[in-house]
Amino acid sequence: ANTYTVKKGDSLWRIANQNKTTVTNLKSWNNLKSDNIYIGQKLKVSAGSITNNTNTSKPSTSKPSNSSTKTYTVKKGDSLWSISRQYKTAVDNIKSWNKLTSNTIYIGQKITIK
């Protein structure tokens, strides 16, 4: 299995994205019970059966491909937190992608998810 050493500013979502996997897989491969990680922690970033000699922890680019970008329309009862859980990302990511300065969203609002 490939491993990755956690750096300042990393999140499970970012590490999963960089390694073309999911947060669920990272948590499973590393026996994590929560989303909390710490600087210097070594994480498996692939299943043990995959042999890959290339370094997969390349820096993420700020422009994701269009195929990975979704638009979500806010419905009654939604919150940034509930949307973040649905798309397995962080509230701060959604706020950043949509240039939101508060946690206030409204019904019918279009939210970009990357």
PDB file of N, CA and C in Angstrom:
ATOM      1  N   ALA A   1       0.842  -1.194   0.000  1.00  0.00           N
ATOM      2  CA  ALA A   1       0.000   0.000   0.000  1.00  0.00           C
ATOM      3  C   ALA A   1       0.881   1.248   0.000  1.00  0.00           C
ATOM      4  N   ASN A   2       0.448   2.272  -0.712  1.00  0.00           N
ATOM      5  CA  ASN A   2       1.151   3.551  -0.696  1.00  0.00           C
ATOM      6  C   ASN A   2       0.813   4.275   0.598  1.00  0.00           C
ATOM      7  N   THR A   3       1.761   5.063   1.102  1.00  0.00           N
ATOM      8  CA  THR A   3       1.503   5.843   2.308  1.00  0.00           C
ATOM      9  C   THR A   3       1.724   7.319   2.031  1.00  0.00           C
ATOM     10  N   TYR A   4       1.130   8.124   2.883  1.00  0.00           N
ATOM     11  CA  TYR A   4       1.232   9.575   2.775  1.00  0.00           C
ATOM     12  C   TYR A   4       1.444  10.124   4.182  1.00  0.00           C
ATOM     13  N   THR A   5       2.343  11.094   4.328  1.00  0.00           N
ATOM     14  CA  THR A   5       2.574  11.731   5.622  1.00  0.00           C
ATOM     15  C   THR A   5       1.790  13.040   5.672  1.00  0.00           C
ATOM     16  N   VAL A   6       0.927  13.171   6.675  1.00  0.00           N
ATOM     17  CA  VAL A   6       0.058  14.338   6.822  1.00  0.00           C
ATOM     18  C   VAL A   6       0.890  15.593   7.058  1.00  0.00           C
ATOM     19  N   LYS A   7       0.547  16.654   6.317  1.00  0.00           N
ATOM     20  CA  LYS A   7       1.220  17.948   6.444  1.00  0.00           C
ATOM     21  C   LYS A   7       0.230  18.986   6.974  1.00  0.00           C
ATOM     22  N   LYS A   8       0.749  20.124   7.412  1.00  0.00           N
ATOM     23  CA  LYS A   8      -0.086  21.214   7.891  1.00  0.00           C
ATOM     24  C   LYS A   8      -1.091  21.593   6.807  1.00  0.00           C
ATOM     25  N   GLY A   9      -2.353  21.753   7.173  1.00  0.00           N
ATOM     26  CA  GLY A   9      -3.392  22.160   6.237  1.00  0.00           C
ATOM     27  C   GLY A   9      -4.100  21.005   5.555  1.00  0.00           C
ATOM     28  N   ASP A  10      -3.614  19.776   5.738  1.00  0.00           N
ATOM     29  CA  ASP A  10      -4.252  18.617   5.107  1.00  0.00           C
ATOM     30  C   ASP A  10      -5.576  18.271   5.774  1.00  0.00           C
ATOM     31  N   SER A  11      -6.437  17.643   5.023  1.00  0.00           N
ATOM     32  CA  SER A  11      -7.675  17.063   5.543  1.00  0.00           C
ATOM     33  C   SER A  11      -7.836  15.710   4.875  1.00  0.00           C
ATOM     34  N   LEU A  12      -8.653  14.853   5.457  1.00  0.00           N
ATOM     35  CA  LEU A  12      -8.900  13.556   4.824  1.00  0.00           C
ATOM     36  C   LEU A  12      -9.462  13.753   3.423  1.00  0.00           C
ATOM     37  N   TRP A  13     -10.336  14.752   3.266  1.00  0.00           N
ATOM     38  CA  TRP A  13     -10.928  15.010   1.950  1.00  0.00           C
ATOM     39  C   TRP A  13      -9.846  15.359   0.936  1.00  0.00           C
ATOM     40  N   ARG A  14      -8.935  16.241   1.296  1.00  0.00           N
ATOM     41  CA  ARG A  14      -7.863  16.668   0.381  1.00  0.00           C
ATOM     42  C   ARG A  14      -6.953  15.490   0.032  1.00  0.00           C
ATOM     43  N   ILE A  15      -6.581  14.697   1.036  1.00  0.00           N
ATOM     44  CA  ILE A  15      -5.703  13.549   0.798  1.00  0.00           C
ATOM     45  C   ILE A  15      -6.409  12.528  -0.094  1.00  0.00           C
ATOM     46  N   ALA A  16      -7.686  12.271   0.169  1.00  0.00           N
ATOM     47  CA  ALA A  16      -8.456  11.334  -0.667  1.00  0.00           C
ATOM     48  C   ALA A  16      -8.514  11.833  -2.100  1.00  0.00           C
ATOM     49  N   ASN A  17      -8.788  13.116  -2.264  1.00  0.00           N
ATOM     50  CA  ASN A  17      -8.878  13.722  -3.595  1.00  0.00           C
ATOM     51  C   ASN A  17      -7.562  13.578  -4.359  1.00  0.00           C
ATOM     52  N   GLN A  18      -6.458  13.884  -3.690  1.00  0.00           N
ATOM     53  CA  GLN A  18      -5.136  13.813  -4.318  1.00  0.00           C
ATOM     54  C   GLN A  18      -4.782  12.389  -4.736  1.00  0.00           C
ATOM     55  N   ASN A  19      -5.337  11.414  -4.032  1.00  0.00           N
ATOM     56  CA  ASN A  19      -4.985  10.020  -4.284  1.00  0.00           C
ATOM     57  C   ASN A  19      -6.100   9.238  -4.970  1.00  0.00           C
ATOM     58  N   LYS A  20      -7.070   9.982  -5.513  1.00  0.00           N
ATOM     59  CA  LYS A  20      -8.169   9.386  -6.288  1.00  0.00           C
ATOM     60  C   LYS A  20      -8.856   8.252  -5.524  1.00  0.00           C
ATOM     61  N   THR A  21      -9.207   8.556  -4.279  1.00  0.00           N
ATOM     62  CA  THR A  21      -9.929   7.596  -3.455  1.00  0.00           C
ATOM     63  C   THR A  21     -10.975   8.365  -2.657  1.00  0.00           C
ATOM     64  N   THR A  22     -11.564   7.718  -1.665  1.00  0.00           N
ATOM     65  CA  THR A  22     -12.610   8.355  -0.864  1.00  0.00           C
ATOM     66  C   THR A  22     -12.171   8.463   0.596  1.00  0.00           C
ATOM     67  N   VAL A  23     -12.807   9.377   1.311  1.00  0.00           N
ATOM     68  CA  VAL A  23     -12.560   9.511   2.747  1.00  0.00           C
ATOM     69  C   VAL A  23     -12.912   8.195   3.439  1.00  0.00           C
ATOM     70  N   THR A  24     -13.993   7.561   3.001  1.00  0.00           N
ATOM     71  CA  THR A  24     -14.416   6.280   3.589  1.00  0.00           C
ATOM     72  C   THR A  24     -13.308   5.240   3.466  1.00  0.00           C
ATOM     73  N   ASN A  25     -12.679   5.160   2.276  1.00  0.00           N
ATOM     74  CA  ASN A  25     -11.574   4.213   2.095  1.00  0.00           C
ATOM     75  C   ASN A  25     -10.408   4.551   3.011  1.00  0.00           C
ATOM     76  N   LEU A  26     -10.026   5.831   3.067  1.00  0.00           N
ATOM     77  CA  LEU A  26      -8.907   6.230   3.931  1.00  0.00           C
ATOM     78  C   LEU A  26      -9.178   5.823   5.376  1.00  0.00           C
ATOM     79  N   LYS A  27     -10.390   6.093   5.849  1.00  0.00           N
ATOM     80  CA  LYS A  27     -10.732   5.773   7.239  1.00  0.00           C
ATOM     81  C   LYS A  27     -10.687   4.254   7.460  1.00  0.00           C
ATOM     82  N   SER A  28     -11.150   3.496   6.470  1.00  0.00           N
ATOM     83  CA  SER A  28     -11.150   2.043   6.576  1.00  0.00           C
ATOM     84  C   SER A  28      -9.731   1.483   6.578  1.00  0.00           C
ATOM     85  N   TRP A  29      -8.908   1.900   5.617  1.00  0.00           N
ATOM     86  CA  TRP A  29      -7.536   1.399   5.494  1.00  0.00           C
ATOM     87  C   TRP A  29      -6.687   1.752   6.696  1.00  0.00           C
ATOM     88  N   ASN A  30      -7.029   2.855   7.391  1.00  0.00           N
ATOM     89  CA  ASN A  30      -6.217   3.338   8.502  1.00  0.00           C
ATOM     90  C   ASN A  30      -6.887   3.152   9.861  1.00  0.00           C
ATOM     91  N   ASN A  31      -8.010   2.429   9.882  1.00  0.00           N
ATOM     92  CA  ASN A  31      -8.752   2.176  11.124  1.00  0.00           C
ATOM     93  C   ASN A  31      -9.055   3.460  11.873  1.00  0.00           C
ATOM     94  N   LEU A  32      -9.452   4.509  11.129  1.00  0.00           N
ATOM     95  CA  LEU A  32      -9.791   5.788  11.753  1.00  0.00           C
ATOM     96  C   LEU A  32     -11.258   5.778  12.160  1.00  0.00           C
ATOM     97  N   LYS A  33     -11.527   6.239  13.380  1.00  0.00           N
ATOM     98  CA  LYS A  33     -12.907   6.296  13.877  1.00  0.00           C
ATOM     99  C   LYS A  33     -13.521   7.683  13.659  1.00  0.00           C
ATOM    100  N   SER A  34     -12.661   8.689  13.371  1.00  0.00           N
ATOM    101  CA  SER A  34     -13.153  10.047  13.150  1.00  0.00           C
ATOM    102  C   SER A  34     -12.390  10.654  11.983  1.00  0.00           C
ATOM    103  N   ASP A  35     -12.709  11.895  11.639  1.00  0.00           N
ATOM    104  CA  ASP A  35     -12.021  12.600  10.559  1.00  0.00           C
ATOM    105  C   ASP A  35     -10.764  13.311  11.059  1.00  0.00           C
ATOM    106  N   ASN A  36     -10.427  13.144  12.334  1.00  0.00           N
ATOM    107  CA  ASN A  36      -9.275  13.845  12.905  1.00  0.00           C
ATOM    108  C   ASN A  36      -7.975  13.177  12.486  1.00  0.00           C
ATOM    109  N   ILE A  37      -7.060  13.987  11.932  1.00  0.00           N
ATOM    110  CA  ILE A  37      -5.721  13.519  11.588  1.00  0.00           C
ATOM    111  C   ILE A  37      -4.733  14.538  12.145  1.00  0.00           C
ATOM    112  N   TYR A  38      -3.468  14.167  12.229  1.00  0.00           N
ATOM    113  CA  TYR A  38      -2.489  15.085  12.797  1.00  0.00           C
ATOM    114  C   TYR A  38      -1.237  15.127  11.932  1.00  0.00           C
ATOM    115  N   ILE A  39      -0.540  16.254  12.003  1.00  0.00           N
ATOM    116  CA  ILE A  39       0.685  16.460  11.233  1.00  0.00           C
ATOM    117  C   ILE A  39       1.692  15.376  11.597  1.00  0.00           C
ATOM    118  N   GLY A  40       2.299  14.781  10.565  1.00  0.00           N
ATOM    119  CA  GLY A  40       3.292  13.727  10.771  1.00  0.00           C
ATOM    120  C   GLY A  40       2.700  12.331  10.747  1.00  0.00           C
ATOM    121  N   GLN A  41       1.371  12.220  10.824  1.00  0.00           N
ATOM    122  CA  GLN A  41       0.705  10.920  10.793  1.00  0.00           C
ATOM    123  C   GLN A  41       0.915  10.279   9.422  1.00  0.00           C
ATOM    124  N   LYS A  42       1.201   8.978   9.405  1.00  0.00           N
ATOM    125  CA  LYS A  42       1.352   8.254   8.144  1.00  0.00           C
ATOM    126  C   LYS A  42       0.039   7.532   7.855  1.00  0.00           C
ATOM    127  N   LEU A  43      -0.501   7.772   6.658  1.00  0.00           N
ATOM    128  CA  LEU A  43      -1.767   7.162   6.266  1.00  0.00           C
ATOM    129  C   LEU A  43      -1.578   6.289   5.039  1.00  0.00           C
ATOM    130  N   LYS A  44      -2.229   5.122   5.027  1.00  0.00           N
ATOM    131  CA  LYS A  44      -2.291   4.322   3.808  1.00  0.00           C
ATOM    132  C   LYS A  44      -3.231   5.041   2.856  1.00  0.00           C
ATOM    133  N   VAL A  45      -2.794   5.217   1.609  1.00  0.00           N
ATOM    134  CA  VAL A  45      -3.632   5.929   0.635  1.00  0.00           C
ATOM    135  C   VAL A  45      -4.035   5.031  -0.523  1.00  0.00           C
ATOM    136  N   SER A  46      -3.812   3.728  -0.374  1.00  0.00           N
ATOM    137  CA  SER A  46      -4.282   2.765  -1.369  1.00  0.00           C
ATOM    138  C   SER A  46      -4.491   1.434  -0.673  1.00  0.00           C
ATOM    139  N   ALA A  47      -5.251   0.572  -1.327  1.00  0.00           N
ATOM    140  CA  ALA A  47      -5.459  -0.772  -0.791  1.00  0.00           C
ATOM    141  C   ALA A  47      -4.140  -1.519  -0.866  1.00  0.00           C
ATOM    142  N   GLY A  48      -3.929  -2.460   0.003  1.00  0.00           N
ATOM    143  CA  GLY A  48      -2.673  -3.182   0.065  1.00  0.00           C
ATOM    144  C   GLY A  48      -2.319  -3.936  -1.205  1.00  0.00           C
ATOM    145  N   SER A  49      -3.309  -4.327  -2.007  1.00  0.00           N
ATOM    146  CA  SER A  49      -3.034  -5.145  -3.190  1.00  0.00           C
ATOM    147  C   SER A  49      -2.545  -4.333  -4.374  1.00  0.00           C
ATOM    148  N   ILE A  50      -2.642  -3.018  -4.303  1.00  0.00           N
ATOM    149  CA  ILE A  50      -2.226  -2.171  -5.414  1.00  0.00           C
ATOM    150  C   ILE A  50      -0.732  -1.928  -5.327  1.00  0.00           C
ATOM    151  N   THR A  51      -0.011  -2.225  -6.412  1.00  0.00           N
ATOM    152  CA  THR A  51       1.407  -1.892  -6.432  1.00  0.00           C
ATOM    153  C   THR A  51       1.597  -0.762  -7.417  1.00  0.00           C
ATOM    154  N   ASN A  52       2.123   0.327  -6.926  1.00  0.00           N
ATOM    155  CA  ASN A  52       2.284   1.529  -7.734  1.00  0.00           C
ATOM    156  C   ASN A  52       3.552   2.206  -7.268  1.00  0.00           C
ATOM    157  N   ASN A  53       4.538   2.273  -8.145  1.00  0.00           N
ATOM    158  CA  ASN A  53       5.825   2.836  -7.756  1.00  0.00           C
ATOM    159  C   ASN A  53       5.893   4.342  -7.917  1.00  0.00           C
ATOM    160  N   THR A  54       4.864   4.950  -8.502  1.00  0.00           N
ATOM    161  CA  THR A  54       4.905   6.399  -8.686  1.00  0.00           C
ATOM    162  C   THR A  54       4.408   7.090  -7.435  1.00  0.00           C
ATOM    163  N   ASN A  55       4.844   8.301  -7.222  1.00  0.00           N
ATOM    164  CA  ASN A  55       4.429   9.083  -6.055  1.00  0.00           C
ATOM    165  C   ASN A  55       3.047   9.663  -6.338  1.00  0.00           C
ATOM    166  N   THR A  56       2.037   9.175  -5.617  1.00  0.00           N
ATOM    167  CA  THR A  56       0.667   9.610  -5.884  1.00  0.00           C
ATOM    168  C   THR A  56       0.271  10.826  -5.063  1.00  0.00           C
ATOM    169  N   SER A  57       1.135  11.320  -4.183  1.00  0.00           N
ATOM    170  CA  SER A  57       0.758  12.469  -3.365  1.00  0.00           C
ATOM    171  C   SER A  57       1.205  13.770  -4.035  1.00  0.00           C
ATOM    172  N   LYS A  58       0.792  13.941  -5.286  1.00  0.00           N
ATOM    173  CA  LYS A  58       1.135  15.168  -6.004  1.00  0.00           C
ATOM    174  C   LYS A  58       0.234  16.300  -5.524  1.00  0.00           C
ATOM    175  N   PRO A  59       0.684  17.547  -5.629  1.00  0.00           N
ATOM    176  CA  PRO A  59      -0.131  18.658  -5.144  1.00  0.00           C
ATOM    177  C   PRO A  59      -1.441  18.759  -5.928  1.00  0.00           C
ATOM    178  N   SER A  60      -2.492  19.130  -5.235  1.00  0.00           N
ATOM    179  CA  SER A  60      -3.765  19.266  -5.932  1.00  0.00           C
ATOM    180  C   SER A  60      -3.757  20.559  -6.738  1.00  0.00           C
ATOM    181  N   THR A  61      -4.464  20.527  -7.846  1.00  0.00           N
ATOM    182  CA  THR A  61      -4.563  21.729  -8.661  1.00  0.00           C
ATOM    183  C   THR A  61      -5.810  22.481  -8.236  1.00  0.00           C
ATOM    184  N   SER A  62      -5.824  23.763  -8.479  1.00  0.00           N
ATOM    185  CA  SER A  62      -6.962  24.556  -8.034  1.00  0.00           C
ATOM    186  C   SER A  62      -8.107  24.515  -9.042  1.00  0.00           C
ATOM    187  N   LYS A  63      -7.886  23.863 -10.193  1.00  0.00           N
ATOM    188  CA  LYS A  63      -8.944  23.797 -11.194  1.00  0.00           C
ATOM    189  C   LYS A  63      -9.360  22.345 -11.418  1.00  0.00           C
ATOM    190  N   PRO A  64     -10.400  21.860 -10.714  1.00  0.00           N
ATOM    191  CA  PRO A  64     -10.838  20.482 -10.946  1.00  0.00           C
ATOM    192  C   PRO A  64     -11.499  20.364 -12.317  1.00  0.00           C
ATOM    193  N   SER A  65     -11.507  19.162 -12.860  1.00  0.00           N
ATOM    194  CA  SER A  65     -12.152  18.975 -14.155  1.00  0.00           C
ATOM    195  C   SER A  65     -13.655  19.162 -14.001  1.00  0.00           C
ATOM    196  N   ASN A  66     -14.312  19.561 -15.078  1.00  0.00           N
ATOM    197  CA  ASN A  66     -15.750  19.817 -15.023  1.00  0.00           C
ATOM    198  C   ASN A  66     -16.534  18.586 -14.594  1.00  0.00           C
ATOM    199  N   SER A  67     -16.029  17.399 -14.914  1.00  0.00           N
ATOM    200  CA  SER A  67     -16.761  16.185 -14.578  1.00  0.00           C
ATOM    201  C   SER A  67     -16.877  15.981 -13.074  1.00  0.00           C
ATOM    202  N   SER A  68     -15.967  16.589 -12.288  1.00  0.00           N
ATOM    203  CA  SER A  68     -16.033  16.396 -10.846  1.00  0.00           C
ATOM    204  C   SER A  68     -16.775  17.530 -10.144  1.00  0.00           C
ATOM    205  N   THR A  69     -17.238  18.517 -10.891  1.00  0.00           N
ATOM    206  CA  THR A  69     -17.964  19.635 -10.302  1.00  0.00           C
ATOM    207  C   THR A  69     -19.459  19.407 -10.446  1.00  0.00           C
ATOM    208  N   LYS A  70     -20.177  19.568  -9.323  1.00  0.00           N
ATOM    209  CA  LYS A  70     -21.633  19.386  -9.336  1.00  0.00           C
ATOM    210  C   LYS A  70     -22.291  20.676  -8.856  1.00  0.00           C
ATOM    211  N   THR A  71     -23.521  20.875  -9.274  1.00  0.00           N
ATOM    212  CA  THR A  71     -24.305  21.992  -8.761  1.00  0.00           C
ATOM    213  C   THR A  71     -25.452  21.408  -7.948  1.00  0.00           C
ATOM    214  N   TYR A  72     -25.582  21.873  -6.720  1.00  0.00           N
ATOM    215  CA  TYR A  72     -26.629  21.412  -5.817  1.00  0.00           C
ATOM    216  C   TYR A  72     -27.579  22.567  -5.559  1.00  0.00           C
ATOM    217  N   THR A  73     -28.886  22.301  -5.656  1.00  0.00           N
ATOM    218  CA  THR A  73     -29.889  23.316  -5.360  1.00  0.00           C
ATOM    219  C   THR A  73     -30.381  23.108  -3.928  1.00  0.00           C
ATOM    220  N   VAL A  74     -30.259  24.137  -3.113  1.00  0.00           N
ATOM    221  CA  VAL A  74     -30.642  24.059  -1.704  1.00  0.00           C
ATOM    222  C   VAL A  74     -32.150  23.836  -1.572  1.00  0.00           C
ATOM    223  N   LYS A  75     -32.506  22.868  -0.706  1.00  0.00           N
ATOM    224  CA  LYS A  75     -33.907  22.539  -0.443  1.00  0.00           C
ATOM    225  C   LYS A  75     -34.260  22.903   1.004  1.00  0.00           C
ATOM    226  N   LYS A  76     -35.545  22.952   1.295  1.00  0.00           N
ATOM    227  CA  LYS A  76     -36.011  23.238   2.647  1.00  0.00           C
ATOM    228  C   LYS A  76     -35.391  22.240   3.617  1.00  0.00           C
ATOM    229  N   GLY A  77     -34.857  22.739   4.715  1.00  0.00           N
ATOM    230  CA  GLY A  77     -34.261  21.886   5.739  1.00  0.00           C
ATOM    231  C   GLY A  77     -32.759  21.661   5.560  1.00  0.00           C
ATOM    232  N   ASP A  78     -32.209  22.063   4.411  1.00  0.00           N
ATOM    233  CA  ASP A  78     -30.775  21.889   4.173  1.00  0.00           C
ATOM    234  C   ASP A  78     -29.951  22.842   5.033  1.00  0.00           C
ATOM    235  N   SER A  79     -28.732  22.423   5.324  1.00  0.00           N
ATOM    236  CA  SER A  79     -27.736  23.292   5.949  1.00  0.00           C
ATOM    237  C   SER A  79     -26.409  22.983   5.270  1.00  0.00           C
ATOM    238  N   LEU A  80     -25.450  23.872   5.422  1.00  0.00           N
ATOM    239  CA  LEU A  80     -24.133  23.576   4.854  1.00  0.00           C
ATOM    240  C   LEU A  80     -23.600  22.267   5.428  1.00  0.00           C
ATOM    241  N   TRP A  81     -23.859  22.023   6.707  1.00  0.00           N
ATOM    242  CA  TRP A  81     -23.389  20.793   7.333  1.00  0.00           C
ATOM    243  C   TRP A  81     -24.019  19.569   6.684  1.00  0.00           C
ATOM    244  N   SER A  82     -25.358  19.591   6.466  1.00  0.00           N
ATOM    245  CA  SER A  82     -26.021  18.419   5.879  1.00  0.00           C
ATOM    246  C   SER A  82     -25.563  18.195   4.436  1.00  0.00           C
ATOM    247  N   ILE A  83     -25.339  19.277   3.705  1.00  0.00           N
ATOM    248  CA  ILE A  83     -24.848  19.153   2.324  1.00  0.00           C
ATOM    249  C   ILE A  83     -23.419  18.604   2.343  1.00  0.00           C
ATOM    250  N   SER A  84     -22.600  19.067   3.273  1.00  0.00           N
ATOM    251  CA  SER A  84     -21.212  18.591   3.358  1.00  0.00           C
ATOM    252  C   SER A  84     -21.177  17.091   3.664  1.00  0.00           C
ATOM    253  N   ARG A  85     -22.073  16.607   4.514  1.00  0.00           N
ATOM    254  CA  ARG A  85     -22.124  15.170   4.834  1.00  0.00           C
ATOM    255  C   ARG A  85     -22.537  14.388   3.578  1.00  0.00           C
ATOM    256  N   GLN A  86     -23.525  14.916   2.840  1.00  0.00           N
ATOM    257  CA  GLN A  86     -24.037  14.233   1.654  1.00  0.00           C
ATOM    258  C   GLN A  86     -22.937  14.048   0.612  1.00  0.00           C
ATOM    259  N   TYR A  87     -22.071  15.051   0.470  1.00  0.00           N
ATOM    260  CA  TYR A  87     -21.015  14.997  -0.549  1.00  0.00           C
ATOM    261  C   TYR A  87     -19.647  14.640   0.029  1.00  0.00           C
ATOM    262  N   LYS A  88     -19.627  14.231   1.325  1.00  0.00           N
ATOM    263  CA  LYS A  88     -18.394  13.797   1.975  1.00  0.00           C
ATOM    264  C   LYS A  88     -17.277  14.833   1.824  1.00  0.00           C
ATOM    265  N   THR A  89     -17.595  16.062   2.193  1.00  0.00           N
ATOM    266  CA  THR A  89     -16.612  17.135   2.160  1.00  0.00           C
ATOM    267  C   THR A  89     -16.784  17.992   3.411  1.00  0.00           C
ATOM    268  N   ALA A  90     -16.001  19.037   3.522  1.00  0.00           N
ATOM    269  CA  ALA A  90     -16.054  19.909   4.695  1.00  0.00           C
ATOM    270  C   ALA A  90     -16.887  21.152   4.396  1.00  0.00           C
ATOM    271  N   VAL A  91     -17.556  21.671   5.413  1.00  0.00           N
ATOM    272  CA  VAL A  91     -18.325  22.912   5.291  1.00  0.00           C
ATOM    273  C   VAL A  91     -17.414  24.017   4.757  1.00  0.00           C
ATOM    274  N   ASP A  92     -16.182  24.098   5.272  1.00  0.00           N
ATOM    275  CA  ASP A  92     -15.249  25.141   4.821  1.00  0.00           C
ATOM    276  C   ASP A  92     -14.955  25.039   3.332  1.00  0.00           C
ATOM    277  N   ASN A  93     -14.911  23.808   2.794  1.00  0.00           N
ATOM    278  CA  ASN A  93     -14.697  23.641   1.351  1.00  0.00           C
ATOM    279  C   ASN A  93     -15.866  24.238   0.568  1.00  0.00           C
ATOM    280  N   ILE A  94     -17.079  23.910   0.981  1.00  0.00           N
ATOM    281  CA  ILE A  94     -18.267  24.426   0.285  1.00  0.00           C
ATOM    282  C   ILE A  94     -18.277  25.948   0.345  1.00  0.00           C
ATOM    283  N   LYS A  95     -17.958  26.504   1.518  1.00  0.00           N
ATOM    284  CA  LYS A  95     -17.935  27.965   1.654  1.00  0.00           C
ATOM    285  C   LYS A  95     -16.881  28.573   0.731  1.00  0.00           C
ATOM    286  N   SER A  96     -15.725  27.942   0.649  1.00  0.00           N
ATOM    287  CA  SER A  96     -14.644  28.449  -0.201  1.00  0.00           C
ATOM    288  C   SER A  96     -15.034  28.384  -1.680  1.00  0.00           C
ATOM    289  N   TRP A  97     -15.548  27.236  -2.123  1.00  0.00           N
ATOM    290  CA  TRP A  97     -15.908  27.058  -3.534  1.00  0.00           C
ATOM    291  C   TRP A  97     -16.981  28.039  -3.973  1.00  0.00           C
ATOM    292  N   ASN A  98     -17.835  28.459  -3.026  1.00  0.00           N
ATOM    293  CA  ASN A  98     -18.966  29.326  -3.351  1.00  0.00           C
ATOM    294  C   ASN A  98     -18.779  30.751  -2.845  1.00  0.00           C
ATOM    295  N   LYS A  99     -17.592  31.067  -2.338  1.00  0.00           N
ATOM    296  CA  LYS A  99     -17.265  32.398  -1.830  1.00  0.00           C
ATOM    297  C   LYS A  99     -18.291  32.871  -0.798  1.00  0.00           C
ATOM    298  N   LEU A 100     -18.693  31.940   0.094  1.00  0.00           N
ATOM    299  CA  LEU A 100     -19.664  32.262   1.147  1.00  0.00           C
ATOM    300  C   LEU A 100     -18.908  32.808   2.354  1.00  0.00           C
ATOM    301  N   THR A 101     -19.431  33.877   2.937  1.00  0.00           N
ATOM    302  CA  THR A 101     -18.787  34.476   4.105  1.00  0.00           C
ATOM    303  C   THR A 101     -19.492  34.105   5.411  1.00  0.00           C
ATOM    304  N   SER A 102     -20.630  33.414   5.287  1.00  0.00           N
ATOM    305  CA  SER A 102     -21.329  32.950   6.488  1.00  0.00           C
ATOM    306  C   SER A 102     -21.905  31.566   6.183  1.00  0.00           C
ATOM    307  N   ASN A 103     -22.549  30.972   7.197  1.00  0.00           N
ATOM    308  CA  ASN A 103     -23.176  29.658   7.019  1.00  0.00           C
ATOM    309  C   ASN A 103     -24.613  29.771   6.526  1.00  0.00           C
ATOM    310  N   THR A 104     -25.050  30.979   6.180  1.00  0.00           N
ATOM    311  CA  THR A 104     -26.428  31.191   5.747  1.00  0.00           C
ATOM    312  C   THR A 104     -26.591  30.808   4.290  1.00  0.00           C
ATOM    313  N   ILE A 105     -27.551  29.911   4.034  1.00  0.00           N
ATOM    314  CA  ILE A 105     -27.927  29.545   2.667  1.00  0.00           C
ATOM    315  C   ILE A 105     -29.443  29.648   2.580  1.00  0.00           C
ATOM    316  N   TYR A 106     -29.972  29.685   1.353  1.00  0.00           N
ATOM    317  CA  TYR A 106     -31.412  29.834   1.209  1.00  0.00           C
ATOM    318  C   TYR A 106     -31.954  28.853   0.173  1.00  0.00           C
ATOM    319  N   ILE A 107     -33.237  28.531   0.326  1.00  0.00           N
ATOM    320  CA  ILE A 107     -33.904  27.582  -0.572  1.00  0.00           C
ATOM    321  C   ILE A 107     -33.806  28.104  -2.008  1.00  0.00           C
ATOM    322  N   GLY A 108     -33.424  27.207  -2.918  1.00  0.00           N
ATOM    323  CA  GLY A 108     -33.303  27.555  -4.322  1.00  0.00           C
ATOM    324  C   GLY A 108     -31.905  28.017  -4.707  1.00  0.00           C
ATOM    325  N   GLN A 109     -31.055  28.279  -3.723  1.00  0.00           N
ATOM    326  CA  GLN A 109     -29.683  28.717  -4.001  1.00  0.00           C
ATOM    327  C   GLN A 109     -28.915  27.576  -4.673  1.00  0.00           C
ATOM    328  N   LYS A 110     -28.114  27.923  -5.658  1.00  0.00           N
ATOM    329  CA  LYS A 110     -27.270  26.939  -6.353  1.00  0.00           C
ATOM    330  C   LYS A 110     -25.904  26.934  -5.675  1.00  0.00           C
ATOM    331  N   ILE A 111     -25.477  25.747  -5.231  1.00  0.00           N
ATOM    332  CA  ILE A 111     -24.211  25.583  -4.544  1.00  0.00           C
ATOM    333  C   ILE A 111     -23.315  24.709  -5.422  1.00  0.00           C
ATOM    334  N   THR A 112     -22.074  25.149  -5.636  1.00  0.00           N
ATOM    335  CA  THR A 112     -21.114  24.366  -6.391  1.00  0.00           C
ATOM    336  C   THR A 112     -20.397  23.406  -5.444  1.00  0.00           C
ATOM    337  N   ILE A 113     -20.321  22.130  -5.856  1.00  0.00           N
ATOM    338  CA  ILE A 113     -19.621  21.095  -5.087  1.00  0.00           C
ATOM    339  C   ILE A 113     -18.516  20.544  -5.998  1.00  0.00           C
ATOM    340  N   LYS A 114     -17.282  20.537  -5.494  1.00  0.00           N
ATOM    341  CA  LYS A 114     -16.160  20.041  -6.300  1.00  0.00           C
ATOM    342  C   LYS A 114     -15.614  18.763  -5.718  1.00  0.00           C
TER     343      LYS A 114
END
